[in-house]
Amino acid sequence: MNRGWQLQSGALAAAAILIWAVFEQAGLDRALMAFAYDRALGRFPLQHLHWLNALGHVGLKWTMVAFWAICLAWRPLRRGAAYIAVVAVAVTLLKQASGHSCPWDLAEYGGTAAWFPLFGELPANPGPGRCLPAGHPVTGFMLFGLYFALRTTKPAGARAALVAAWVIGIAAGAVQVARGAHFASHVLWTAWTAWAVALAVDALARRAVPTLECRPPGPI
């Protein structure tokens, strides 16, 4: 493993510790959630707001599915489409296997489920789970796959994909935090997972196809 990949792995490890320490342990998750939850009403006012769900959730989801289909159909972007698919599937599988429930299911936010820390023991009533990492923000963060696929052949396109990944991913995550669907850390864990998976997929692809130029990835 060359120095570039070692640095990238170290950066991922540092990012994981930072997310865990600042958002979960230091309480930033709950500080941010306080802006979305109305304790007087005992609910998240934006949870069932129709236009927010239609535009920020359903509409964005299908727009990005259509974009992925375009990438799959267009030969220069087909490898990027494959990377995107692997990232999206990986995040979805982790989410489905998760025992962590969404904020709106937790007792402290009007639900019945018990919260527990990232690597904590599963409580007696964890609720429905399937909420960590966040699923919806991957509609943006899956574009990390396109960034890795293009970074050596079309650097301008790769940079555009990277910017779009962050903008769309954070925007989608903000919608879900505002609705009470996720803590902010759930969104960042989605970004972390998407980057780690895209990095691993690209490394494996370049090992399998030596003709692909190998260059250390840019910063997260």
Protein backbone atom coordinates (compact mmCIF):
# COMPACT_ATOMS: atom_id res chain seq x y z
CA MET A 1 0.00 0.00 0.00
CA ASN A 2 1.53 3.34 -1.04
CA ARG A 3 1.72 6.41 1.16
CA GLY A 4 -1.35 8.00 -0.46
CA TRP A 5 -3.59 5.10 0.52
CA GLN A 6 -2.09 4.99 4.01
CA LEU A 7 -2.86 8.68 4.48
CA GLN A 8 -6.39 8.15 3.21
CA SER A 9 -6.96 5.26 5.64
CA GLY A 10 -5.59 7.38 8.49
CA ALA A 11 -7.91 10.25 7.54
CA LEU A 12 -10.89 7.90 7.58
CA ALA A 13 -9.93 6.61 11.03
CA ALA A 14 -9.54 10.18 12.34
CA ALA A 15 -12.89 11.20 10.83
CA ALA A 16 -14.62 8.24 12.48
CA ILE A 17 -13.23 9.17 15.90
CA LEU A 18 -14.22 12.81 15.39
CA ILE A 19 -17.81 11.97 14.41
CA TRP A 20 -18.18 9.63 17.39
CA ALA A 21 -16.58 12.00 19.90
CA VAL A 22 -18.19 15.28 18.85
CA PHE A 23 -21.67 14.25 17.77
CA GLU A 24 -22.43 11.31 20.04
CA GLN A 25 -20.24 11.71 23.11
CA ALA A 26 -20.11 15.51 23.31
CA GLY A 27 -23.83 15.82 22.55
CA LEU A 28 -23.85 17.77 19.29
CA ASP A 29 -26.45 15.36 17.86
CA ARG A 30 -28.97 16.30 20.53
CA ALA A 31 -28.07 19.98 20.44
CA LEU A 32 -28.92 20.08 16.74
CA MET A 33 -32.01 17.92 17.19
CA ALA A 34 -33.34 20.45 19.71
CA PHE A 35 -33.93 22.84 16.80
CA ALA A 36 -36.13 20.26 15.03
CA TYR A 37 -38.13 18.89 17.98
CA ASP A 38 -40.88 20.92 19.61
CA ARG A 39 -41.09 19.78 23.24
CA ALA A 40 -44.27 21.75 23.86
CA LEU A 41 -46.03 19.87 21.06
CA GLY A 42 -44.17 16.62 21.74
CA ARG A 43 -43.35 16.03 18.08
CA PHE A 44 -41.27 17.07 15.07
CA PRO A 45 -43.37 19.77 13.33
CA LEU A 46 -41.80 19.07 9.92
CA GLN A 47 -42.14 15.28 10.09
CA HIS A 48 -45.28 15.11 7.98
CA LEU A 49 -44.88 18.31 5.98
CA HIS A 50 -46.03 17.18 2.54
CA TRP A 51 -43.99 19.43 0.28
CA LEU A 52 -40.76 18.80 2.22
CA ASN A 53 -41.23 15.05 1.92
CA ALA A 54 -42.24 15.29 -1.74
CA LEU A 55 -39.35 17.50 -2.84
CA GLY A 56 -36.57 16.75 -0.35
CA HIS A 57 -37.17 13.02 -0.07
CA VAL A 58 -39.20 11.33 -2.79
CA GLY A 59 -38.42 13.81 -5.57
CA LEU A 60 -34.69 13.87 -4.90
CA LYS A 61 -34.54 10.09 -4.64
CA TRP A 62 -36.06 9.51 -8.08
CA THR A 63 -34.06 12.32 -9.65
CA MET A 64 -30.85 10.62 -8.55
CA VAL A 65 -32.10 7.22 -9.71
CA ALA A 66 -32.65 8.78 -13.14
CA PHE A 67 -29.16 10.30 -13.06
CA TRP A 68 -27.67 6.89 -12.23
CA ALA A 69 -29.56 5.36 -15.17
CA ILE A 70 -28.06 8.02 -17.47
CA CYS A 71 -24.57 7.18 -16.17
CA LEU A 72 -25.23 3.49 -16.79
CA ALA A 73 -26.40 4.15 -20.35
CA TRP A 74 -23.53 6.50 -21.25
CA ARG A 75 -20.36 4.52 -21.87
CA PRO A 76 -17.84 7.08 -20.46
CA LEU A 77 -19.72 7.07 -17.16
CA ARG A 78 -20.52 3.36 -16.97
CA ARG A 79 -17.68 2.53 -14.58
CA GLY A 80 -18.86 5.39 -12.39
CA ALA A 81 -22.38 3.91 -12.43
CA ALA A 82 -20.96 0.62 -11.19
CA TYR A 83 -19.10 2.36 -8.36
CA ILE A 84 -22.25 4.30 -7.46
CA ALA A 85 -24.31 1.10 -7.31
CA VAL A 86 -21.85 -0.62 -4.97
CA VAL A 87 -21.78 2.39 -2.63
CA ALA A 88 -25.58 2.65 -2.53
CA VAL A 89 -26.03 -1.08 -1.91
CA ALA A 90 -23.39 -1.13 0.84
CA VAL A 91 -25.02 1.75 2.74
CA THR A 92 -28.47 0.21 2.32
CA LEU A 93 -27.35 -3.17 3.65
CA LEU A 94 -25.68 -1.59 6.68
CA LYS A 95 -28.80 0.46 7.34
CA GLN A 96 -31.07 -2.58 7.14
CA ALA A 97 -28.85 -4.50 9.57
CA SER A 98 -28.65 -1.66 12.10
CA GLY A 99 -30.28 -1.92 15.52
CA HIS A 100 -30.28 1.87 15.97
CA SER A 101 -33.68 3.51 15.61
CA CYS A 102 -34.48 6.94 14.19
CA PRO A 103 -34.98 9.92 16.52
CA TRP A 104 -38.74 10.02 15.97
CA ASP A 105 -38.92 6.43 17.32
CA LEU A 106 -37.01 7.23 20.51
CA ALA A 107 -38.73 7.75 23.87
CA GLU A 108 -37.06 11.13 24.38
CA TYR A 109 -38.70 12.39 21.18
CA GLY A 110 -42.19 11.03 21.67
CA GLY A 111 -41.61 7.43 20.60
CA THR A 112 -41.05 4.30 22.67
CA ALA A 113 -37.61 2.99 21.66
CA ALA A 114 -34.48 3.23 23.79
CA TRP A 115 -31.37 4.98 22.50
CA PHE A 116 -27.98 3.27 22.84
CA PRO A 117 -24.44 4.33 21.88
CA LEU A 118 -22.73 3.33 18.65
CA PHE A 119 -20.97 0.25 19.99
CA GLY A 120 -23.22 -0.21 23.00
CA GLU A 121 -25.22 -3.24 24.05
CA LEU A 122 -28.63 -3.61 22.41
CA PRO A 123 -31.30 -2.48 24.95
CA ALA A 124 -34.45 -4.41 25.75
CA ASN A 125 -36.48 -2.11 23.50
CA PRO A 126 -34.30 -0.82 20.66
CA GLY A 127 -37.32 -0.12 18.45
CA PRO A 128 -37.51 -0.83 14.72
CA GLY A 129 -33.83 0.00 14.07
CA ARG A 130 -32.64 0.35 10.47
CA CYS A 131 -31.54 3.97 10.89
CA LEU A 132 -27.71 4.06 10.99
CA PRO A 133 -26.23 5.01 8.59
CA ALA A 134 -28.88 7.26 7.09
CA GLY A 135 -30.29 5.94 3.84
CA HIS A 136 -31.58 9.06 2.08
CA PRO A 137 -28.32 11.10 2.07
CA VAL A 138 -26.66 8.34 0.04
CA THR A 139 -28.56 9.77 -2.94
CA GLY A 140 -25.85 12.43 -2.87
CA PHE A 141 -22.91 10.68 -1.25
CA MET A 142 -23.07 7.81 -3.75
CA LEU A 143 -21.52 10.30 -6.19
CA PHE A 144 -18.22 9.72 -4.40
CA GLY A 145 -18.15 6.63 -6.62
CA LEU A 146 -18.35 8.80 -9.73
CA TYR A 147 -15.55 10.99 -8.38
CA PHE A 148 -13.22 8.02 -7.97
CA ALA A 149 -14.14 6.61 -11.38
CA LEU A 150 -13.38 9.90 -13.17
CA ARG A 151 -10.53 11.38 -11.16
CA THR A 152 -7.69 10.17 -13.43
CA THR A 153 -9.39 10.50 -16.83
CA LYS A 154 -11.74 13.47 -16.40
CA PRO A 155 -10.52 15.49 -13.41
CA ALA A 156 -12.92 18.39 -14.01
CA GLY A 157 -15.86 16.00 -14.07
CA ALA A 158 -14.53 14.29 -10.96
CA ARG A 159 -14.36 17.59 -9.08
CA ALA A 160 -17.92 18.40 -10.14
CA ALA A 161 -19.07 14.99 -8.90
CA LEU A 162 -17.30 15.54 -5.58
CA VAL A 163 -18.93 18.94 -5.03
CA ALA A 164 -22.33 17.57 -6.04
CA ALA A 165 -21.91 14.63 -3.66
CA TRP A 166 -21.35 16.91 -0.68
CA VAL A 167 -24.02 19.46 -1.60
CA ILE A 168 -26.75 16.90 -2.35
CA GLY A 169 -25.77 14.58 0.50
CA ILE A 170 -25.73 17.31 3.14
CA ALA A 171 -28.95 18.86 1.80
CA ALA A 172 -30.73 15.49 1.84
CA GLY A 173 -29.39 14.84 5.32
CA ALA A 174 -30.53 18.24 6.58
CA VAL A 175 -34.06 17.50 5.38
CA GLN A 176 -34.07 14.22 7.30
CA VAL A 177 -32.66 15.79 10.47
CA ALA A 178 -35.31 18.52 10.30
CA ARG A 179 -38.03 15.86 9.94
CA GLY A 180 -36.68 13.87 12.91
CA ALA A 181 -35.67 10.92 10.75
CA HIS A 182 -31.96 11.02 11.61
CA PHE A 183 -29.37 12.52 13.89
CA ALA A 184 -26.69 14.59 12.16
CA SER A 185 -24.12 11.89 12.95
CA HIS A 186 -26.20 9.37 10.98
CA VAL A 187 -25.75 11.59 7.94
CA LEU A 188 -21.99 11.88 8.49
CA TRP A 189 -21.68 8.12 8.95
CA THR A 190 -23.35 7.76 5.56
CA ALA A 191 -20.72 10.05 4.04
CA TRP A 192 -17.94 8.17 5.84
CA THR A 193 -19.23 4.78 4.68
CA ALA A 194 -19.79 5.95 1.11
CA TRP A 195 -16.24 7.33 0.87
CA ALA A 196 -14.69 4.22 2.42
CA VAL A 197 -16.60 1.90 0.09
CA ALA A 198 -15.83 3.99 -3.00
CA LEU A 199 -12.15 4.07 -2.03
CA ALA A 200 -12.08 0.28 -1.56
CA VAL A 201 -13.94 -0.39 -4.82
CA ASP A 202 -11.54 1.85 -6.74
CA ALA A 203 -8.50 0.17 -5.19
CA LEU A 204 -9.83 -3.28 -6.12
CA ALA A 205 -10.69 -2.14 -9.64
CA ARG A 206 -7.21 -0.74 -10.22
CA ARG A 207 -5.63 -3.91 -8.88
CA ALA A 208 -7.80 -6.03 -11.19
CA VAL A 209 -7.19 -3.79 -14.22
CA PRO A 210 -3.52 -2.68 -14.13
CA THR A 211 -4.00 -0.40 -17.14
CA LEU A 212 -6.00 1.99 -14.97
CA GLU A 213 -3.73 4.77 -13.81
CA CYS A 214 -3.29 4.59 -10.06
CA ARG A 215 -3.06 7.86 -8.22
CA PRO A 216 -3.63 8.58 -4.52
CA PRO A 217 -7.15 9.93 -3.92
CA GLY A 218 -7.77 13.51 -3.00
CA PRO A 219 -8.83 14.62 0.45
CA ILE A 220 -12.22 13.79 1.87
